[in-house]
Amino acid sequence: MKQMNLHALKFFYEAAGHRLAGQTVPLSELVREPFIVREEDSATREQLIALCRLHRIDPPEVGLQFKGFNETVRAVTAGYGVSFLSALEVGDYVRRGAVARVYVEGVHETNPIDLFRRSNEELSPAASQFLNFVKSQLNSRQRQYISSAVVR
């Protein structure tokens, strides 16, 4: 098997009208907010807990817990709390102005995206085009998030 590793940026998000939306805060302040989290043992939840340990702070109190992305982002949109989400997944909600990023000092997390293929086989032209499309979209969208962080 041949593996290709890609990475999607992860950020904290809050309802667009929330007082922290678009603000830069320390993680220790953000974790005082109610958090909307994924189910126990989810990679995102584990990453949030590890991030808190790394910064030597207690993990946030769980305000609401969901098993899926759609339920999680809808709760964020409704103003029930903050959540730690992939920028690629939440991008449409940000563009519509439903949620906004909360910038957290010293936090730069990614979500791994692993692609596998048989090492002894070449990709078909269609699969190769699809892979190039995925990479270009990922790079393009992540440049947008990085440039918006610089411009703000």
Protein backbone atom coordinates (compact mmCIF):
# COMPACT_ATOMS: atom_id res chain seq x y z
CA MET A 1 0.00 0.00 0.00
CA LYS A 2 1.13 3.49 -0.77
CA GLN A 3 -0.08 6.22 1.57
CA MET A 4 -0.43 9.95 0.95
CA ASN A 5 -0.92 12.24 3.91
CA LEU A 6 -2.87 15.47 3.59
CA HIS A 7 -3.91 17.78 6.39
CA ALA A 8 -6.99 19.94 6.95
CA LEU A 9 -6.85 22.87 9.34
CA LYS A 10 -8.95 22.75 12.53
CA PHE A 11 -10.21 25.80 14.38
CA PHE A 12 -12.62 26.81 17.12
CA TYR A 13 -15.99 28.17 16.00
CA GLU A 14 -18.81 30.05 17.69
CA ALA A 15 -22.11 31.50 16.47
CA ALA A 16 -21.42 34.56 14.33
CA GLY A 17 -23.02 36.97 16.82
CA HIS A 18 -21.18 35.65 19.88
CA ARG A 19 -18.87 38.05 21.74
CA LEU A 20 -15.81 35.86 20.97
CA ALA A 21 -16.56 35.45 17.25
CA GLY A 22 -13.61 36.82 15.30
CA GLN A 23 -11.67 37.58 18.49
CA THR A 24 -8.28 36.27 19.59
CA VAL A 25 -8.28 34.70 23.05
CA PRO A 26 -6.09 32.37 25.08
CA LEU A 27 -7.24 28.75 25.23
CA SER A 28 -7.62 29.10 29.00
CA GLU A 29 -10.35 31.71 28.44
CA LEU A 30 -12.10 29.83 25.65
CA VAL A 31 -12.50 26.63 27.69
CA ARG A 32 -14.68 28.55 30.16
CA GLU A 33 -17.37 28.67 27.46
CA PRO A 34 -19.89 25.83 27.06
CA PHE A 35 -18.53 23.37 24.51
CA ILE A 36 -20.34 21.35 21.92
CA VAL A 37 -18.36 18.15 21.45
CA ARG A 38 -18.48 14.95 19.49
CA GLU A 39 -19.12 11.59 21.12
CA GLU A 40 -16.63 10.03 23.52
CA ASP A 41 -13.61 8.46 21.82
CA SER A 42 -14.04 10.59 18.67
CA ALA A 43 -10.75 11.80 17.21
CA THR A 44 -11.84 15.45 17.42
CA ARG A 45 -12.77 15.16 21.09
CA GLU A 46 -9.52 13.36 21.89
CA GLN A 47 -7.58 16.06 20.03
CA LEU A 48 -9.32 18.77 22.08
CA ILE A 49 -8.48 17.00 25.35
CA ALA A 50 -4.85 16.50 24.26
CA LEU A 51 -4.63 20.18 23.33
CA CYS A 52 -5.81 21.15 26.81
CA ARG A 53 -3.27 18.81 28.41
CA LEU A 54 -0.52 20.28 26.25
CA HIS A 55 -1.45 23.77 27.48
CA ARG A 56 -1.81 22.47 31.06
CA ILE A 57 -5.43 23.49 31.44
CA ASP A 58 -8.54 21.54 32.34
CA PRO A 59 -10.67 20.43 29.40
CA PRO A 60 -13.89 22.38 28.87
CA GLU A 61 -17.21 21.41 30.40
CA VAL A 62 -19.42 19.59 27.92
CA GLY A 63 -22.52 21.65 27.17
CA LEU A 64 -23.88 19.37 24.46
CA GLN A 65 -22.63 16.17 22.86
CA PHE A 66 -23.50 14.86 19.40
CA LYS A 67 -22.54 11.93 17.20
CA GLY A 68 -22.45 13.80 13.92
CA PHE A 69 -21.03 16.92 12.31
CA ASN A 70 -24.40 18.30 11.14
CA GLU A 71 -25.91 18.23 14.62
CA THR A 72 -22.76 19.76 16.08
CA VAL A 73 -22.55 22.68 13.65
CA ARG A 74 -26.29 23.36 13.94
CA ALA A 75 -25.92 23.68 17.71
CA VAL A 76 -22.99 26.08 17.19
CA THR A 77 -25.06 28.09 14.71
CA ALA A 78 -27.91 28.27 17.22
CA GLY A 79 -25.54 29.76 19.80
CA TYR A 80 -25.35 26.85 22.24
CA GLY A 81 -21.57 26.98 22.52
CA VAL A 82 -18.17 26.70 20.93
CA SER A 83 -16.83 23.71 19.02
CA PHE A 84 -13.53 22.50 17.57
CA LEU A 85 -14.12 21.67 13.89
CA SER A 86 -12.39 21.07 10.58
CA ALA A 87 -12.22 24.25 8.51
CA LEU A 88 -13.12 22.25 5.40
CA GLU A 89 -16.32 20.92 6.95
CA VAL A 90 -17.51 24.24 8.37
CA GLY A 91 -16.42 26.45 5.46
CA ASP A 92 -19.90 26.88 3.94
CA TYR A 93 -21.31 27.97 7.32
CA VAL A 94 -18.51 30.53 7.67
CA ARG A 95 -19.10 31.89 4.16
CA ARG A 96 -22.83 32.24 4.90
CA GLY A 97 -22.04 34.13 8.10
CA ALA A 98 -23.70 31.56 10.37
CA VAL A 99 -20.56 30.78 12.39
CA ALA A 100 -17.25 32.52 12.91
CA ARG A 101 -13.82 31.43 13.92
CA VAL A 102 -12.48 32.15 17.38
CA TYR A 103 -8.72 32.66 17.07
CA VAL A 104 -6.82 30.95 19.85
CA GLU A 105 -3.30 32.02 20.77
CA GLY A 106 -0.71 29.32 20.12
CA VAL A 107 -3.11 26.75 18.69
CA HIS A 108 -2.44 25.40 15.18
CA GLU A 109 -4.11 22.02 14.77
CA THR A 110 -4.78 19.89 11.73
CA ASN A 111 -6.96 16.96 10.87
CA PRO A 112 -5.11 14.18 9.02
CA ILE A 113 -6.54 12.97 5.73
CA ASP A 114 -4.92 9.73 4.63
CA LEU A 115 -5.31 8.37 1.12
CA PHE A 116 -4.22 4.84 0.28
CA ARG A 117 -3.63 3.03 -2.97
CA ARG A 118 -1.95 -0.15 -4.10
CA SER A 119 1.77 0.50 -4.45
CA ASN A 120 2.18 -1.81 -7.44
CA GLU A 121 -0.54 -0.11 -9.53
CA GLU A 122 -0.61 3.24 -11.26
CA LEU A 123 -3.65 5.41 -10.78
CA SER A 124 -6.06 5.53 -13.67
CA PRO A 125 -6.22 8.89 -15.47
CA ALA A 126 -9.61 9.59 -13.84
CA ALA A 127 -8.33 8.70 -10.36
CA SER A 128 -5.20 10.78 -10.92
CA GLN A 129 -7.32 13.78 -11.98
CA PHE A 130 -9.55 13.29 -8.95
CA LEU A 131 -6.54 13.18 -6.60
CA ASN A 132 -5.12 16.36 -8.16
CA PHE A 133 -8.53 18.02 -7.79
CA VAL A 134 -8.73 17.07 -4.10
CA LYS A 135 -5.22 18.38 -3.43
CA SER A 136 -5.85 21.67 -5.26
CA GLN A 137 -9.17 22.24 -3.46
CA LEU A 138 -7.59 21.46 -0.11
CA ASN A 139 -4.67 23.80 -0.77
CA SER A 140 -6.90 26.56 -2.17
CA ARG A 141 -9.33 26.51 0.73
CA GLN A 142 -6.59 26.37 3.32
CA ARG A 143 -4.85 29.37 1.72
CA GLN A 144 -8.17 31.22 2.07
CA TYR A 145 -8.31 30.44 5.79
CA ILE A 146 -4.69 31.45 6.30
CA SER A 147 -5.04 34.69 4.33
CA SER A 148 -8.27 35.60 6.14
CA ALA A 149 -6.42 35.17 9.43
CA VAL A 150 -3.73 37.57 8.25
CA VAL A 151 -6.17 40.14 6.85
CA ARG A 152 -8.44 40.33 9.89
